[in-house]
Amino acid sequence: MSRQIALLRGINVGGHNRFPKAKQLELARALGFQDVSVLLQTGNIVFADPGRPPAETARVIHDRIAADLGLTVPVVVRTRDELAAAIAANPFPQATAEPKSLHVTFLSAVPADTSRLDALDAAASAPDQFRLTGRELYLWCPNGIGRSKLADAVSRAPLGVTATARNWNTVTKLLALADA
């Protein structure tokens, strides 16, 4: 059975957009999703493919959260195969040895304008690096993301699409959950 993975942005961060794991599970089941699992508290919902395109699934989840909770929560959805392809496309395989140093930002679409990203002086931020590959933006910060000037600059570069990031541990756990 095919699976989809919903990635909700900004859930339960710093006490904002409170949406407990049990409520996430309840909402997914209320939408008719089957075989639902929630990873962590931060908005990672894995479920059987509901038979609609991922972009439509994202819209349905977004609208239901707004209606039920009064929250505006950006949602990006990937199929199991899209998530596996994003993992396989990792341009920084050396970073997987320290998975907290590698982050993937999932985008709702390929950005039409990447000029702000292209203008970043990545060399000045070494050893930190980033790479945009299709609908995924990979960010590797060997010394940690908290002190990274590149991470801050990349996150502020407007791409005109919905985006939400996960660390490599979470990304690989989501694929394992989708395969379970």
Protein backbone atom coordinates (compact mmCIF):
# COMPACT_ATOMS: atom_id res chain seq x y z
CA MET A 1 0.00 0.00 0.00
CA SER A 2 1.30 3.44 -0.93
CA ARG A 3 1.85 6.01 1.82
CA GLN A 4 1.90 9.78 2.15
CA ILE A 5 3.76 11.87 4.70
CA ALA A 6 2.35 15.22 5.86
CA LEU A 7 4.90 17.70 7.17
CA LEU A 8 3.33 20.50 9.19
CA ARG A 9 5.37 23.65 9.77
CA GLY A 10 5.64 25.40 13.12
CA ILE A 11 3.69 22.95 15.28
CA ASN A 12 4.39 23.00 19.04
CA VAL A 13 7.40 25.29 18.72
CA GLY A 14 8.06 27.55 21.68
CA GLY A 15 4.54 27.09 22.98
CA HIS A 16 2.96 28.34 19.75
CA ASN A 17 0.53 26.50 17.47
CA ARG A 18 -0.19 23.90 20.10
CA PHE A 19 -1.31 20.75 18.35
CA PRO A 20 -0.54 17.68 20.48
CA LYS A 21 0.38 14.37 18.89
CA ALA A 22 -2.93 12.78 19.96
CA LYS A 23 -4.88 15.61 18.27
CA GLN A 24 -2.81 15.20 15.09
CA LEU A 25 -3.71 11.50 15.04
CA GLU A 26 -7.37 12.31 15.71
CA LEU A 27 -7.49 14.90 12.91
CA ALA A 28 -5.91 12.52 10.37
CA ARG A 29 -8.41 9.80 11.26
CA ALA A 30 -11.30 12.29 11.07
CA LEU A 31 -10.18 13.07 7.51
CA GLY A 32 -10.60 9.38 6.73
CA PHE A 33 -6.90 8.55 6.58
CA GLN A 34 -6.07 4.93 7.37
CA ASP A 35 -3.08 3.32 9.06
CA VAL A 36 -2.04 6.64 10.64
CA SER A 37 1.15 7.20 12.63
CA VAL A 38 2.53 10.42 14.09
CA LEU A 39 6.26 10.88 14.63
CA LEU A 40 7.25 13.30 17.38
CA GLN A 41 5.11 16.30 18.39
CA THR A 42 6.28 18.52 15.54
CA GLY A 43 3.84 17.66 12.79
CA ASN A 44 4.94 14.49 11.00
CA ILE A 45 1.95 12.38 10.00
CA VAL A 46 2.32 9.16 7.99
CA PHE A 47 -0.75 7.47 6.53
CA ALA A 48 -2.06 5.25 3.76
CA ASP A 49 -2.35 7.13 0.48
CA PRO A 50 -5.87 8.61 0.45
CA GLY A 51 -6.02 8.42 -3.36
CA ARG A 52 -5.44 12.11 -4.04
CA PRO A 53 -2.37 14.03 -5.19
CA PRO A 54 -0.06 15.18 -2.38
CA ALA A 55 -0.77 18.88 -3.04
CA GLU A 56 -4.49 18.26 -2.62
CA THR A 57 -3.88 16.24 0.56
CA ALA A 58 -1.84 19.17 1.91
CA ARG A 59 -4.70 21.58 1.17
CA VAL A 60 -7.26 19.30 2.85
CA ILE A 61 -5.12 19.00 6.00
CA HIS A 62 -4.39 22.74 6.07
CA ASP A 63 -8.08 23.61 5.73
CA ARG A 64 -9.15 21.14 8.40
CA ILE A 65 -6.58 22.45 10.89
CA ALA A 66 -7.80 25.99 10.22
CA ALA A 67 -11.45 24.98 10.65
CA ASP A 68 -11.00 22.80 13.73
CA LEU A 69 -8.21 24.60 15.58
CA GLY A 70 -8.19 28.10 14.15
CA LEU A 71 -4.51 27.72 13.25
CA THR A 72 -2.86 28.64 9.99
CA VAL A 73 -0.38 25.83 9.51
CA PRO A 74 1.56 25.41 6.27
CA VAL A 75 1.56 21.78 5.12
CA VAL A 76 3.80 19.97 2.64
CA VAL A 77 3.01 16.39 1.63
CA ARG A 78 5.31 13.84 0.04
CA THR A 79 4.60 10.31 -1.10
CA ARG A 80 6.73 7.54 0.33
CA ASP A 81 8.59 7.29 -2.99
CA GLU A 82 9.20 11.05 -3.11
CA LEU A 83 10.65 10.93 0.40
CA ALA A 84 12.88 7.98 -0.55
CA ALA A 85 14.05 9.90 -3.65
CA ALA A 86 14.88 12.94 -1.49
CA ILE A 87 16.99 10.74 0.78
CA ALA A 88 18.76 9.16 -2.19
CA ALA A 89 19.45 12.62 -3.69
CA ASN A 90 21.27 13.86 -0.57
CA PRO A 91 24.22 15.86 -1.93
CA PHE A 92 26.07 15.59 1.40
CA PRO A 93 26.36 11.84 2.11
CA GLN A 94 29.29 12.48 4.46
CA ALA A 95 26.91 14.39 6.72
CA THR A 96 24.82 11.32 7.55
CA ALA A 97 27.50 10.28 10.07
CA GLU A 98 26.33 13.25 12.17
CA PRO A 99 22.61 13.36 11.26
CA LYS A 100 21.76 16.37 13.46
CA SER A 101 24.03 18.48 11.25
CA LEU A 102 22.02 17.80 8.09
CA HIS A 103 18.61 19.30 7.40
CA VAL A 104 16.20 18.98 4.52
CA THR A 105 13.73 21.73 3.75
CA PHE A 106 10.78 20.31 1.86
CA LEU A 107 9.22 22.75 -0.59
CA SER A 108 5.68 22.62 -1.96
CA ALA A 109 6.99 23.30 -5.48
CA VAL A 110 10.20 24.01 -7.33
CA PRO A 111 10.87 27.72 -6.66
CA ALA A 112 10.55 29.95 -9.72
CA ASP A 113 13.02 32.50 -8.34
CA THR A 114 16.17 31.33 -6.60
CA SER A 115 18.11 34.57 -7.01
CA ARG A 116 18.26 35.20 -3.23
CA LEU A 117 19.77 31.76 -2.68
CA ASP A 118 22.11 32.14 -5.64
CA ALA A 119 23.38 35.43 -4.21
CA LEU A 120 24.46 33.89 -0.89
CA ASP A 121 28.21 33.71 -0.38
CA ALA A 122 28.44 30.11 0.72
CA ALA A 123 32.26 30.22 0.74
CA ALA A 124 32.14 32.85 3.49
CA SER A 125 30.07 30.44 5.58
CA ALA A 126 32.34 27.41 5.24
CA PRO A 127 32.19 24.70 6.36
CA ASP A 128 28.41 25.10 6.14
CA GLN A 129 26.91 24.29 2.75
CA PHE A 130 23.52 24.14 1.07
CA ARG A 131 22.17 22.78 -2.16
CA LEU A 132 18.75 23.16 -3.78
CA THR A 133 17.73 20.03 -5.67
CA GLY A 134 14.24 20.22 -7.14
CA ARG A 135 11.77 20.55 -4.27
CA GLU A 136 14.32 19.90 -1.52
CA LEU A 137 16.86 22.26 -0.04
CA TYR A 138 19.65 20.45 1.80
CA LEU A 139 21.60 22.30 4.49
CA TRP A 140 24.69 20.84 6.11
CA CYS A 141 26.07 22.62 9.17
CA PRO A 142 28.93 20.47 10.55
CA ASN A 143 29.36 22.73 13.60
CA GLY A 144 25.64 22.85 14.37
CA ILE A 145 22.73 24.76 12.95
CA GLY A 146 22.32 27.02 15.99
CA ARG A 147 25.45 29.05 15.26
CA SER A 148 25.28 28.90 11.49
CA LYS A 149 25.04 32.22 9.66
CA LEU A 150 24.35 30.32 6.46
CA ALA A 151 21.37 28.53 8.01
CA ASP A 152 19.93 31.89 9.01
CA ALA A 153 20.54 33.38 5.56
CA VAL A 154 19.05 30.37 3.77
CA SER A 155 15.96 30.40 5.98
CA ARG A 156 15.41 34.10 5.23
CA ALA A 157 15.73 33.74 1.45
CA PRO A 158 12.16 34.03 0.15
CA LEU A 159 11.40 31.26 -2.33
CA GLY A 160 7.70 31.94 -2.86
CA VAL A 161 6.65 28.42 -1.88
CA THR A 162 5.59 26.66 1.31
CA ALA A 163 8.61 25.21 3.09
CA THR A 164 9.24 23.14 6.20
CA ALA A 165 12.51 21.66 7.44
CA ARG A 166 13.42 18.42 9.20
CA ASN A 167 16.75 17.11 10.45
CA TRP A 168 18.18 13.98 8.86
CA ASN A 169 17.22 11.78 11.84
CA THR A 170 13.58 12.73 11.40
CA VAL A 171 13.69 12.34 7.61
CA THR A 172 15.06 8.80 7.80
CA LYS A 173 12.67 7.85 10.62
CA LEU A 174 9.76 9.06 8.51
CA LEU A 175 10.81 6.79 5.66
CA ALA A 176 11.15 3.84 8.04
CA LEU A 177 7.68 4.59 9.39
CA ALA A 178 6.28 4.80 5.86
CA ASP A 179 7.84 1.42 5.10
CA ALA A 180 6.53 -0.26 8.27
